Amino acid sequence: MKRDATVPSEGDLYRVYTVDNLSFEIRYGYHAENERGRIEPLPIFPDMVATPVYTSRGIPVTAYVQAPCTHYIPRQHTHPEEWCGDCLHYGGYREKMGHCLCPERRKE
């Protein structure tokens, strides 16, 4: 069976994001093993909670679709699900990767 070239394969490059000279290769994959074979691969962003990444200025980098921290302050008219990208502290609103400008999360 011939593969549809418009459908990404697991491991294909989705995009490279650069945040303050830090580069992140985002590849297609699955969040859970049981998704494989049932859905098309999705862009998989790094888990910035499990493995925090900070800029040279001590500002945490986060993904829009990251689960928010306890300092979450929703923007008006946001999606009913809570994501970091819907928080007032998220720098780069509407970008898929950006800064968390929350003073409590800053690294000295």
PDB file of N, CA and C in Angstrom:
ATOM      1  N   MET A   1       0.846  -1.187   0.000  1.00  0.00           N
ATOM      2  CA  MET A   1       0.000   0.000   0.000  1.00  0.00           C
ATOM      3  C   MET A   1       0.889   1.247   0.000  1.00  0.00           C
ATOM      4  N   LYS A   2       0.588   2.169  -0.875  1.00  0.00           N
ATOM      5  CA  LYS A   2       1.386   3.389  -1.007  1.00  0.00           C
ATOM      6  C   LYS A   2       1.009   4.388   0.085  1.00  0.00           C
ATOM      7  N   ARG A   3       2.029   4.992   0.675  1.00  0.00           N
ATOM      8  CA  ARG A   3       1.828   5.977   1.737  1.00  0.00           C
ATOM      9  C   ARG A   3       1.442   7.322   1.146  1.00  0.00           C
ATOM     10  N   ASP A   4       0.457   7.986   1.752  1.00  0.00           N
ATOM     11  CA  ASP A   4       0.022   9.321   1.344  1.00  0.00           C
ATOM     12  C   ASP A   4       1.096  10.322   1.771  1.00  0.00           C
ATOM     13  N   ALA A   5       1.712  10.997   0.805  1.00  0.00           N
ATOM     14  CA  ALA A   5       2.818  11.922   1.092  1.00  0.00           C
ATOM     15  C   ALA A   5       2.375  13.138   1.903  1.00  0.00           C
ATOM     16  N   THR A   6       1.076  13.412   1.948  1.00  0.00           N
ATOM     17  CA  THR A   6       0.600  14.568   2.710  1.00  0.00           C
ATOM     18  C   THR A   6       0.425  14.254   4.194  1.00  0.00           C
ATOM     19  N   VAL A   7       0.454  12.967   4.550  1.00  0.00           N
ATOM     20  CA  VAL A   7       0.298  12.556   5.947  1.00  0.00           C
ATOM     21  C   VAL A   7       1.689  12.357   6.544  1.00  0.00           C
ATOM     22  N   PRO A   8       2.010  13.048   7.631  1.00  0.00           N
ATOM     23  CA  PRO A   8       3.344  12.894   8.223  1.00  0.00           C
ATOM     24  C   PRO A   8       3.529  11.506   8.828  1.00  0.00           C
ATOM     25  N   SER A   9       4.776  11.086   8.884  1.00  0.00           N
ATOM     26  CA  SER A   9       5.128   9.824   9.533  1.00  0.00           C
ATOM     27  C   SER A   9       5.734  10.121  10.895  1.00  0.00           C
ATOM     28  N   GLU A  10       5.660   9.155  11.772  1.00  0.00           N
ATOM     29  CA  GLU A  10       6.286   9.289  13.086  1.00  0.00           C
ATOM     30  C   GLU A  10       7.774   9.573  12.899  1.00  0.00           C
ATOM     31  N   GLY A  11       8.265  10.597  13.590  1.00  0.00           N
ATOM     32  CA  GLY A  11       9.669  10.981  13.499  1.00  0.00           C
ATOM     33  C   GLY A  11       9.954  12.077  12.492  1.00  0.00           C
ATOM     34  N   ASP A  12       9.011  12.360  11.578  1.00  0.00           N
ATOM     35  CA  ASP A  12       9.206  13.451  10.617  1.00  0.00           C
ATOM     36  C   ASP A  12       9.297  14.778  11.365  1.00  0.00           C
ATOM     37  N   LEU A  13      10.087  15.689  10.818  1.00  0.00           N
ATOM     38  CA  LEU A  13      10.230  17.016  11.413  1.00  0.00           C
ATOM     39  C   LEU A  13       8.969  17.837  11.159  1.00  0.00           C
ATOM     40  N   TYR A  14       8.393  18.377  12.224  1.00  0.00           N
ATOM     41  CA  TYR A  14       7.239  19.272  12.121  1.00  0.00           C
ATOM     42  C   TYR A  14       7.736  20.695  11.903  1.00  0.00           C
ATOM     43  N   ARG A  15       8.615  21.150  12.804  1.00  0.00           N
ATOM     44  CA  ARG A  15       9.141  22.512  12.732  1.00  0.00           C
ATOM     45  C   ARG A  15      10.252  22.675  13.760  1.00  0.00           C
ATOM     46  N   VAL A  16      11.136  23.631  13.515  1.00  0.00           N
ATOM     47  CA  VAL A  16      12.151  24.010  14.494  1.00  0.00           C
ATOM     48  C   VAL A  16      11.748  25.379  15.032  1.00  0.00           C
ATOM     49  N   TYR A  17      11.571  25.456  16.343  1.00  0.00           N
ATOM     50  CA  TYR A  17      11.244  26.718  17.007  1.00  0.00           C
ATOM     51  C   TYR A  17      12.503  27.247  17.671  1.00  0.00           C
ATOM     52  N   THR A  18      12.688  28.559  17.610  1.00  0.00           N
ATOM     53  CA  THR A  18      13.807  29.198  18.282  1.00  0.00           C
ATOM     54  C   THR A  18      13.245  30.221  19.259  1.00  0.00           C
ATOM     55  N   VAL A  19      13.652  30.082  20.514  1.00  0.00           N
ATOM     56  CA  VAL A  19      13.245  31.000  21.574  1.00  0.00           C
ATOM     57  C   VAL A  19      14.525  31.469  22.254  1.00  0.00           C
ATOM     58  N   ASP A  20      14.856  32.745  22.102  1.00  0.00           N
ATOM     59  CA  ASP A  20      16.084  33.308  22.690  1.00  0.00           C
ATOM     60  C   ASP A  20      17.325  32.456  22.412  1.00  0.00           C
ATOM     61  N   ASN A  21      17.578  32.173  21.167  1.00  0.00           N
ATOM     62  CA  ASN A  21      18.748  31.400  20.728  1.00  0.00           C
ATOM     63  C   ASN A  21      18.739  29.943  21.179  1.00  0.00           C
ATOM     64  N   LEU A  22      17.639  29.455  21.726  1.00  0.00           N
ATOM     65  CA  LEU A  22      17.479  28.039  22.059  1.00  0.00           C
ATOM     66  C   LEU A  22      16.611  27.421  20.969  1.00  0.00           C
ATOM     67  N   SER A  23      17.080  26.350  20.351  1.00  0.00           N
ATOM     68  CA  SER A  23      16.329  25.708  19.271  1.00  0.00           C
ATOM     69  C   SER A  23      15.695  24.411  19.748  1.00  0.00           C
ATOM     70  N   PHE A  24      14.478  24.174  19.283  1.00  0.00           N
ATOM     71  CA  PHE A  24      13.725  22.977  19.644  1.00  0.00           C
ATOM     72  C   PHE A  24      13.191  22.333  18.368  1.00  0.00           C
ATOM     73  N   GLU A  25      13.654  21.117  18.075  1.00  0.00           N
ATOM     74  CA  GLU A  25      13.135  20.356  16.941  1.00  0.00           C
ATOM     75  C   GLU A  25      11.869  19.646  17.393  1.00  0.00           C
ATOM     76  N   ILE A  26      10.770  19.956  16.764  1.00  0.00           N
ATOM     77  CA  ILE A  26       9.500  19.324  17.094  1.00  0.00           C
ATOM     78  C   ILE A  26       9.219  18.289  16.008  1.00  0.00           C
ATOM     79  N   ARG A  27       9.033  17.053  16.435  1.00  0.00           N
ATOM     80  CA  ARG A  27       8.801  15.952  15.500  1.00  0.00           C
ATOM     81  C   ARG A  27       7.418  15.361  15.720  1.00  0.00           C
ATOM     82  N   TYR A  28       6.938  14.678  14.695  1.00  0.00           N
ATOM     83  CA  TYR A  28       5.651  13.998  14.784  1.00  0.00           C
ATOM     84  C   TYR A  28       5.797  12.718  15.584  1.00  0.00           C
ATOM     85  N   GLY A  29       4.770  12.411  16.354  1.00  0.00           N
ATOM     86  CA  GLY A  29       4.778  11.188  17.143  1.00  0.00           C
ATOM     87  C   GLY A  29       3.432  10.993  17.814  1.00  0.00           C
ATOM     88  N   TYR A  30       3.452  10.240  18.905  1.00  0.00           N
ATOM     89  CA  TYR A  30       2.229   9.910  19.638  1.00  0.00           C
ATOM     90  C   TYR A  30       2.439  10.181  21.118  1.00  0.00           C
ATOM     91  N   HIS A  31       1.389  10.607  21.793  1.00  0.00           N
ATOM     92  CA  HIS A  31       1.457  10.833  23.241  1.00  0.00           C
ATOM     93  C   HIS A  31       1.383   9.525  24.006  1.00  0.00           C
ATOM     94  N   ALA A  32       0.619   8.586  23.493  1.00  0.00           N
ATOM     95  CA  ALA A  32       0.459   7.296  24.165  1.00  0.00           C
ATOM     96  C   ALA A  32       0.580   6.180  23.135  1.00  0.00           C
ATOM     97  N   GLU A  33       1.093   5.064  23.563  1.00  0.00           N
ATOM     98  CA  GLU A  33       1.298   3.927  22.662  1.00  0.00           C
ATOM     99  C   GLU A  33      -0.008   3.494  21.997  1.00  0.00           C
ATOM    100  N   ASN A  34      -1.128   3.595  22.711  1.00  0.00           N
ATOM    101  CA  ASN A  34      -2.397   3.141  22.138  1.00  0.00           C
ATOM    102  C   ASN A  34      -2.924   4.060  21.027  1.00  0.00           C
ATOM    103  N   GLU A  35      -2.301   5.216  20.816  1.00  0.00           N
ATOM    104  CA  GLU A  35      -2.694   6.100  19.711  1.00  0.00           C
ATOM    105  C   GLU A  35      -2.134   5.603  18.380  1.00  0.00           C
ATOM    106  N   ARG A  36      -1.007   4.896  18.433  1.00  0.00           N
ATOM    107  CA  ARG A  36      -0.322   4.429  17.229  1.00  0.00           C
ATOM    108  C   ARG A  36      -1.262   3.513  16.440  1.00  0.00           C
ATOM    109  N   GLY A  37      -1.448   3.814  15.169  1.00  0.00           N
ATOM    110  CA  GLY A  37      -2.317   3.022  14.321  1.00  0.00           C
ATOM    111  C   GLY A  37      -3.765   3.484  14.326  1.00  0.00           C
ATOM    112  N   ARG A  38      -4.148   4.282  15.313  1.00  0.00           N
ATOM    113  CA  ARG A  38      -5.534   4.767  15.388  1.00  0.00           C
ATOM    114  C   ARG A  38      -5.671   6.190  14.867  1.00  0.00           C
ATOM    115  N   ILE A  39      -4.616   6.984  15.031  1.00  0.00           N
ATOM    116  CA  ILE A  39      -4.657   8.378  14.581  1.00  0.00           C
ATOM    117  C   ILE A  39      -3.371   8.689  13.835  1.00  0.00           C
ATOM    118  N   GLU A  40      -3.373   9.798  13.096  1.00  0.00           N
ATOM    119  CA  GLU A  40      -2.152  10.256  12.436  1.00  0.00           C
ATOM    120  C   GLU A  40      -1.213  10.830  13.492  1.00  0.00           C
ATOM    121  N   PRO A  41       0.103  10.764  13.254  1.00  0.00           N
ATOM    122  CA  PRO A  41       1.040  11.348  14.222  1.00  0.00           C
ATOM    123  C   PRO A  41       0.780  12.843  14.417  1.00  0.00           C
ATOM    124  N   LEU A  42       1.072  13.310  15.628  1.00  0.00           N
ATOM    125  CA  LEU A  42       0.880  14.708  16.015  1.00  0.00           C
ATOM    126  C   LEU A  42       2.230  15.343  16.315  1.00  0.00           C
ATOM    127  N   PRO A  43       2.341  16.676  16.224  1.00  0.00           N
ATOM    128  CA  PRO A  43       3.572  17.324  16.688  1.00  0.00           C
ATOM    129  C   PRO A  43       3.701  17.107  18.198  1.00  0.00           C
ATOM    130  N   ILE A  44       4.849  16.615  18.633  1.00  0.00           N
ATOM    131  CA  ILE A  44       5.084  16.346  20.050  1.00  0.00           C
ATOM    132  C   ILE A  44       6.055  17.400  20.587  1.00  0.00           C
ATOM    133  N   PHE A  45       5.560  18.222  21.500  1.00  0.00           N
ATOM    134  CA  PHE A  45       6.369  19.277  22.101  1.00  0.00           C
ATOM    135  C   PHE A  45       7.039  18.744  23.363  1.00  0.00           C
ATOM    136  N   PRO A  46       8.213  19.273  23.710  1.00  0.00           N
ATOM    137  CA  PRO A  46       8.901  18.796  24.917  1.00  0.00           C
ATOM    138  C   PRO A  46       8.103  19.097  26.180  1.00  0.00           C
ATOM    139  N   ASP A  47       8.256  18.248  27.172  1.00  0.00           N
ATOM    140  CA  ASP A  47       7.591  18.440  28.464  1.00  0.00           C
ATOM    141  C   ASP A  47       8.458  19.380  29.292  1.00  0.00           C
ATOM    142  N   MET A  48       8.098  20.647  29.285  1.00  0.00           N
ATOM    143  CA  MET A  48       8.893  21.667  29.970  1.00  0.00           C
ATOM    144  C   MET A  48       8.672  21.679  31.477  1.00  0.00           C
ATOM    145  N   VAL A  49       7.713  20.897  31.967  1.00  0.00           N
ATOM    146  CA  VAL A  49       7.529  20.758  33.409  1.00  0.00           C
ATOM    147  C   VAL A  49       8.504  19.706  33.927  1.00  0.00           C
ATOM    148  N   ALA A  50       8.574  18.576  33.234  1.00  0.00           N
ATOM    149  CA  ALA A  50       9.474  17.493  33.647  1.00  0.00           C
ATOM    150  C   ALA A  50      10.938  17.880  33.462  1.00  0.00           C
ATOM    151  N   THR A  51      11.221  18.604  32.386  1.00  0.00           N
ATOM    152  CA  THR A  51      12.592  19.015  32.077  1.00  0.00           C
ATOM    153  C   THR A  51      12.594  20.506  31.753  1.00  0.00           C
ATOM    154  N   PRO A  52      12.638  21.371  32.775  1.00  0.00           N
ATOM    155  CA  PRO A  52      12.594  22.817  32.524  1.00  0.00           C
ATOM    156  C   PRO A  52      13.804  23.305  31.724  1.00  0.00           C
ATOM    157  N   VAL A  53      13.539  24.263  30.857  1.00  0.00           N
ATOM    158  CA  VAL A  53      14.584  24.913  30.068  1.00  0.00           C
ATOM    159  C   VAL A  53      14.451  26.406  30.318  1.00  0.00           C
ATOM    160  N   TYR A  54      15.580  27.050  30.586  1.00  0.00           N
ATOM    161  CA  TYR A  54      15.588  28.485  30.876  1.00  0.00           C
ATOM    162  C   TYR A  54      16.465  29.221  29.869  1.00  0.00           C
ATOM    163  N   THR A  55      16.103  30.460  29.571  1.00  0.00           N
ATOM    164  CA  THR A  55      16.942  31.302  28.728  1.00  0.00           C
ATOM    165  C   THR A  55      18.152  31.747  29.551  1.00  0.00           C
ATOM    166  N   SER A  56      19.080  32.396  28.911  1.00  0.00           N
ATOM    167  CA  SER A  56      20.267  32.897  29.619  1.00  0.00           C
ATOM    168  C   SER A  56      19.898  33.954  30.662  1.00  0.00           C
ATOM    169  N   ARG A  57      18.699  34.522  30.553  1.00  0.00           N
ATOM    170  CA  ARG A  57      18.214  35.518  31.522  1.00  0.00           C
ATOM    171  C   ARG A  57      17.391  34.889  32.642  1.00  0.00           C
ATOM    172  N   GLY A  58      17.303  33.540  32.650  1.00  0.00           N
ATOM    173  CA  GLY A  58      16.567  32.845  33.701  1.00  0.00           C
ATOM    174  C   GLY A  58      15.069  32.760  33.487  1.00  0.00           C
ATOM    175  N   ILE A  59      14.613  33.035  32.274  1.00  0.00           N
ATOM    176  CA  ILE A  59      13.187  32.986  31.965  1.00  0.00           C
ATOM    177  C   ILE A  59      12.851  31.593  31.435  1.00  0.00           C
ATOM    178  N   PRO A  60      11.831  30.937  32.008  1.00  0.00           N
ATOM    179  CA  PRO A  60      11.493  29.602  31.524  1.00  0.00           C
ATOM    180  C   PRO A  60      10.855  29.631  30.134  1.00  0.00           C
ATOM    181  N   VAL A  61      11.216  28.639  29.338  1.00  0.00           N
ATOM    182  CA  VAL A  61      10.613  28.442  28.025  1.00  0.00           C
ATOM    183  C   VAL A  61       9.486  27.434  28.212  1.00  0.00           C
ATOM    184  N   THR A  62       8.387  27.642  27.519  1.00  0.00           N
ATOM    185  CA  THR A  62       7.268  26.708  27.622  1.00  0.00           C
ATOM    186  C   THR A  62       6.584  26.565  26.272  1.00  0.00           C
ATOM    187  N   ALA A  63       5.794  25.533  26.155  1.00  0.00           N
ATOM    188  CA  ALA A  63       5.000  25.306  24.951  1.00  0.00           C
ATOM    189  C   ALA A  63       3.576  25.788  25.198  1.00  0.00           C
ATOM    190  N   TYR A  64       2.942  26.271  24.172  1.00  0.00           N
ATOM    191  CA  TYR A  64       1.563  26.755  24.278  1.00  0.00           C
ATOM    192  C   TYR A  64       0.663  25.685  24.882  1.00  0.00           C
ATOM    193  N   VAL A  65       0.852  24.429  24.458  1.00  0.00           N
ATOM    194  CA  VAL A  65      -0.037  23.339  24.875  1.00  0.00           C
ATOM    195  C   VAL A  65       0.405  22.656  26.162  1.00  0.00           C
ATOM    196  N   GLN A  66       1.322  23.253  26.887  1.00  0.00           N
ATOM    197  CA  GLN A  66       1.760  22.698  28.174  1.00  0.00           C
ATOM    198  C   GLN A  66       0.666  22.917  29.218  1.00  0.00           C
ATOM    199  N   ALA A  67       0.493  21.959  30.108  1.00  0.00           N
ATOM    200  CA  ALA A  67      -0.452  22.148  31.220  1.00  0.00           C
ATOM    201  C   ALA A  67       0.063  23.296  32.083  1.00  0.00           C
ATOM    202  N   PRO A  68      -0.795  24.205  32.490  1.00  0.00           N
ATOM    203  CA  PRO A  68      -0.332  25.386  33.223  1.00  0.00           C
ATOM    204  C   PRO A  68       0.063  25.082  34.666  1.00  0.00           C
ATOM    205  N   CYS A  69       0.852  25.979  35.217  1.00  0.00           N
ATOM    206  CA  CYS A  69       1.290  25.852  36.610  1.00  0.00           C
ATOM    207  C   CYS A  69       0.252  26.488  37.543  1.00  0.00           C
ATOM    208  N   THR A  70       0.570  26.530  38.806  1.00  0.00           N
ATOM    209  CA  THR A  70      -0.356  27.076  39.814  1.00  0.00           C
ATOM    210  C   THR A  70      -0.507  28.597  39.713  1.00  0.00           C
ATOM    211  N   HIS A  71       0.338  29.252  38.943  1.00  0.00           N
ATOM    212  CA  HIS A  71       0.275  30.710  38.786  1.00  0.00           C
ATOM    213  C   HIS A  71      -0.553  31.127  37.565  1.00  0.00           C
ATOM    214  N   TYR A  72      -1.271  30.193  36.982  1.00  0.00           N
ATOM    215  CA  TYR A  72      -2.077  30.422  35.778  1.00  0.00           C
ATOM    216  C   TYR A  72      -3.109  31.534  35.995  1.00  0.00           C
ATOM    217  N   ILE A  73      -3.101  32.518  35.088  1.00  0.00           N
ATOM    218  CA  ILE A  73      -4.097  33.590  35.066  1.00  0.00           C
ATOM    219  C   ILE A  73      -4.667  33.596  33.647  1.00  0.00           C
ATOM    220  N   PRO A  74      -5.935  33.194  33.470  1.00  0.00           N
ATOM    221  CA  PRO A  74      -6.481  33.087  32.112  1.00  0.00           C
ATOM    222  C   PRO A  74      -6.658  34.438  31.440  1.00  0.00           C
ATOM    223  N   ARG A  75      -6.411  34.443  30.136  1.00  0.00           N
ATOM    224  CA  ARG A  75      -6.745  35.610  29.317  1.00  0.00           C
ATOM    225  C   ARG A  75      -8.257  35.595  29.118  1.00  0.00           C
ATOM    226  N   GLN A  76      -8.823  36.710  28.761  1.00  0.00           N
ATOM    227  CA  GLN A  76     -10.254  36.736  28.438  1.00  0.00           C
ATOM    228  C   GLN A  76     -10.479  36.001  27.124  1.00  0.00           C
ATOM    229  N   HIS A  77     -11.631  35.377  27.010  1.00  0.00           N
ATOM    230  CA  HIS A  77     -12.065  34.731  25.769  1.00  0.00           C
ATOM    231  C   HIS A  77     -11.088  33.654  25.300  1.00  0.00           C
ATOM    232  N   THR A  78     -10.603  32.859  26.219  1.00  0.00           N
ATOM    233  CA  THR A  78      -9.695  31.783  25.832  1.00  0.00           C
ATOM    234  C   THR A  78     -10.457  30.477  25.721  1.00  0.00           C
ATOM    235  N   HIS A  79      -9.780  29.495  25.205  1.00  0.00           N
ATOM    236  CA  HIS A  79     -10.318  28.148  25.053  1.00  0.00           C
ATOM    237  C   HIS A  79     -10.709  27.615  26.429  1.00  0.00           C
ATOM    238  N   PRO A  80     -11.772  26.812  26.526  1.00  0.00           N
ATOM    239  CA  PRO A  80     -12.183  26.313  27.845  1.00  0.00           C
ATOM    240  C   PRO A  80     -11.145  25.415  28.525  1.00  0.00           C
ATOM    241  N   GLU A  81     -10.275  24.769  27.747  1.00  0.00           N
ATOM    242  CA  GLU A  81      -9.195  23.994  28.354  1.00  0.00           C
ATOM    243  C   GLU A  81      -8.107  24.969  28.779  1.00  0.00           C
ATOM    244  N   GLU A  82      -7.398  24.641  29.828  1.00  0.00           N
ATOM    245  CA  GLU A  82      -6.328  25.522  30.300  1.00  0.00           C
ATOM    246  C   GLU A  82      -4.994  25.052  29.739  1.00  0.00           C
ATOM    247  N   TRP A  83      -4.317  25.947  29.025  1.00  0.00           N
ATOM    248  CA  TRP A  83      -2.981  25.704  28.485  1.00  0.00           C
ATOM    249  C   TRP A  83      -2.098  26.878  28.885  1.00  0.00           C
ATOM    250  N   CYS A  84      -0.800  26.657  28.933  1.00  0.00           N
ATOM    251  CA  CYS A  84       0.130  27.760  29.221  1.00  0.00           C
ATOM    252  C   CYS A  84      -0.100  28.934  28.267  1.00  0.00           C
ATOM    253  N   GLY A  85      -0.348  28.632  27.012  1.00  0.00           N
ATOM    254  CA  GLY A  85      -0.532  29.681  26.019  1.00  0.00           C
ATOM    255  C   GLY A  85      -1.746  30.560  26.250  1.00  0.00           C
ATOM    256  N   ASP A  86      -2.667  30.118  27.107  1.00  0.00           N
ATOM    257  CA  ASP A  86      -3.848  30.916  27.427  1.00  0.00           C
ATOM    258  C   ASP A  86      -3.657  31.758  28.680  1.00  0.00           C
ATOM    259  N   CYS A  87      -2.463  31.719  29.249  1.00  0.00           N
ATOM    260  CA  CYS A  87      -2.153  32.435  30.486  1.00  0.00           C
ATOM    261  C   CYS A  87      -1.616  33.836  30.171  1.00  0.00           C
ATOM    262  N   LEU A  88      -1.936  34.787  31.028  1.00  0.00           N
ATOM    263  CA  LEU A  88      -1.421  36.155  30.854  1.00  0.00           C
ATOM    264  C   LEU A  88       0.100  36.221  30.926  1.00  0.00           C
ATOM    265  N   HIS A  89       0.719  35.265  31.607  1.00  0.00           N
ATOM    266  CA  HIS A  89       2.178  35.259  31.732  1.00  0.00           C
ATOM    267  C   HIS A  89       2.884  34.729  30.479  1.00  0.00           C
ATOM    268  N   TYR A  90       2.142  34.121  29.559  1.00  0.00           N
ATOM    269  CA  TYR A  90       2.762  33.507  28.382  1.00  0.00           C
ATOM    270  C   TYR A  90       3.164  34.571  27.381  1.00  0.00           C
ATOM    271  N   GLY A  91       4.458  34.709  27.162  1.00  0.00           N
ATOM    272  CA  GLY A  91       4.969  35.641  26.159  1.00  0.00           C
ATOM    273  C   GLY A  91       4.941  34.958  24.802  1.00  0.00           C
ATOM    274  N   GLY A  92       4.560  35.652  23.784  1.00  0.00           N
ATOM    275  CA  GLY A  92       4.464  35.054  22.456  1.00  0.00           C
ATOM    276  C   GLY A  92       3.082  34.496  22.207  1.00  0.00           C
ATOM    277  N   TYR A  93       2.076  35.181  22.720  1.00  0.00           N
ATOM    278  CA  TYR A  93       0.696  34.731  22.562  1.00  0.00           C
ATOM    279  C   TYR A  93       0.432  34.339  21.111  1.00  0.00           C
ATOM    280  N   ARG A  94      -0.182  33.193  20.946  1.00  0.00           N
ATOM    281  CA  ARG A  94      -0.511  32.577  19.661  1.00  0.00           C
ATOM    282  C   ARG A  94       0.673  31.863  19.025  1.00  0.00           C
ATOM    283  N   GLU A  95       1.856  31.982  19.576  1.00  0.00           N
ATOM    284  CA  GLU A  95       3.002  31.199  19.110  1.00  0.00           C
ATOM    285  C   GLU A  95       2.981  29.867  19.844  1.00  0.00           C
ATOM    286  N   LYS A  96       3.463  28.818  19.211  1.00  0.00           N
ATOM    287  CA  LYS A  96       3.403  27.487  19.834  1.00  0.00           C
ATOM    288  C   LYS A  96       4.480  27.261  20.880  1.00  0.00           C
ATOM    289  N   MET A  97       5.526  28.068  20.872  1.00  0.00           N
ATOM    290  CA  MET A  97       6.535  28.024  21.935  1.00  0.00           C
ATOM    291  C   MET A  97       6.891  29.449  22.293  1.00  0.00           C
ATOM    292  N   GLY A  98       7.100  29.688  23.597  1.00  0.00           N
ATOM    293  CA  GLY A  98       7.414  31.038  24.037  1.00  0.00           C
ATOM    294  C   GLY A  98       7.961  31.052  25.447  1.00  0.00           C
ATOM    295  N   HIS A  99       7.932  32.218  26.056  1.00  0.00           N
ATOM    296  CA  HIS A  99       8.442  32.416  27.417  1.00  0.00           C
ATOM    297  C   HIS A  99       7.303  32.386  28.423  1.00  0.00           C
ATOM    298  N   CYS A 100       7.617  31.948  29.627  1.00  0.00           N
ATOM    299  CA  CYS A 100       6.710  32.133  30.753  1.00  0.00           C
ATOM    300  C   CYS A 100       7.271  33.329  31.520  1.00  0.00           C
ATOM    301  N   LEU A 101       6.551  34.422  31.510  1.00  0.00           N
ATOM    302  CA  LEU A 101       7.035  35.654  32.132  1.00  0.00           C
ATOM    303  C   LEU A 101       6.572  35.812  33.578  1.00  0.00           C
ATOM    304  N   CYS A 102       6.102  34.727  34.163  1.00  0.00           N
ATOM    305  CA  CYS A 102       5.665  34.731  35.556  1.00  0.00           C
ATOM    306  C   CYS A 102       6.878  34.950  36.468  1.00  0.00           C
ATOM    307  N   PRO A 103       6.867  35.972  37.319  1.00  0.00           N
ATOM    308  CA  PRO A 103       8.022  36.234  38.180  1.00  0.00           C
ATOM    309  C   PRO A 103       8.331  35.087  39.148  1.00  0.00           C
ATOM    310  N   GLU A 104       7.313  34.328  39.560  1.00  0.00           N
ATOM    311  CA  GLU A 104       7.535  33.222  40.495  1.00  0.00           C
ATOM    312  C   GLU A 104       8.288  32.054  39.865  1.00  0.00           C
ATOM    313  N   ARG A 105       8.251  31.937  38.551  1.00  0.00           N
ATOM    314  CA  ARG A 105       8.912  30.819  37.873  1.00  0.00           C
ATOM    315  C   ARG A 105      10.306  31.170  37.374  1.00  0.00           C
ATOM    316  N   ARG A 106      10.671  32.411  37.498  1.00  0.00           N
ATOM    317  CA  ARG A 106      11.975  32.854  37.006  1.00  0.00           C
ATOM    318  C   ARG A 106      13.111  32.254  37.818  1.00  0.00           C
ATOM    319  N   LYS A 107      14.188  31.918  37.150  1.00  0.00           N
ATOM    320  CA  LYS A 107      15.363  31.332  37.796  1.00  0.00           C
ATOM    321  C   LYS A 107      16.397  32.433  37.995  1.00  0.00           C
ATOM    322  N   GLU A 108      16.865  32.553  39.217  1.00  0.00           N
ATOM    323  CA  GLU A 108      17.864  33.599  39.521  1.00  0.00           C
ATOM    324  C   GLU A 108      19.246  33.157  39.115  1.00  0.00           C
TER     325      GLU A 108
END
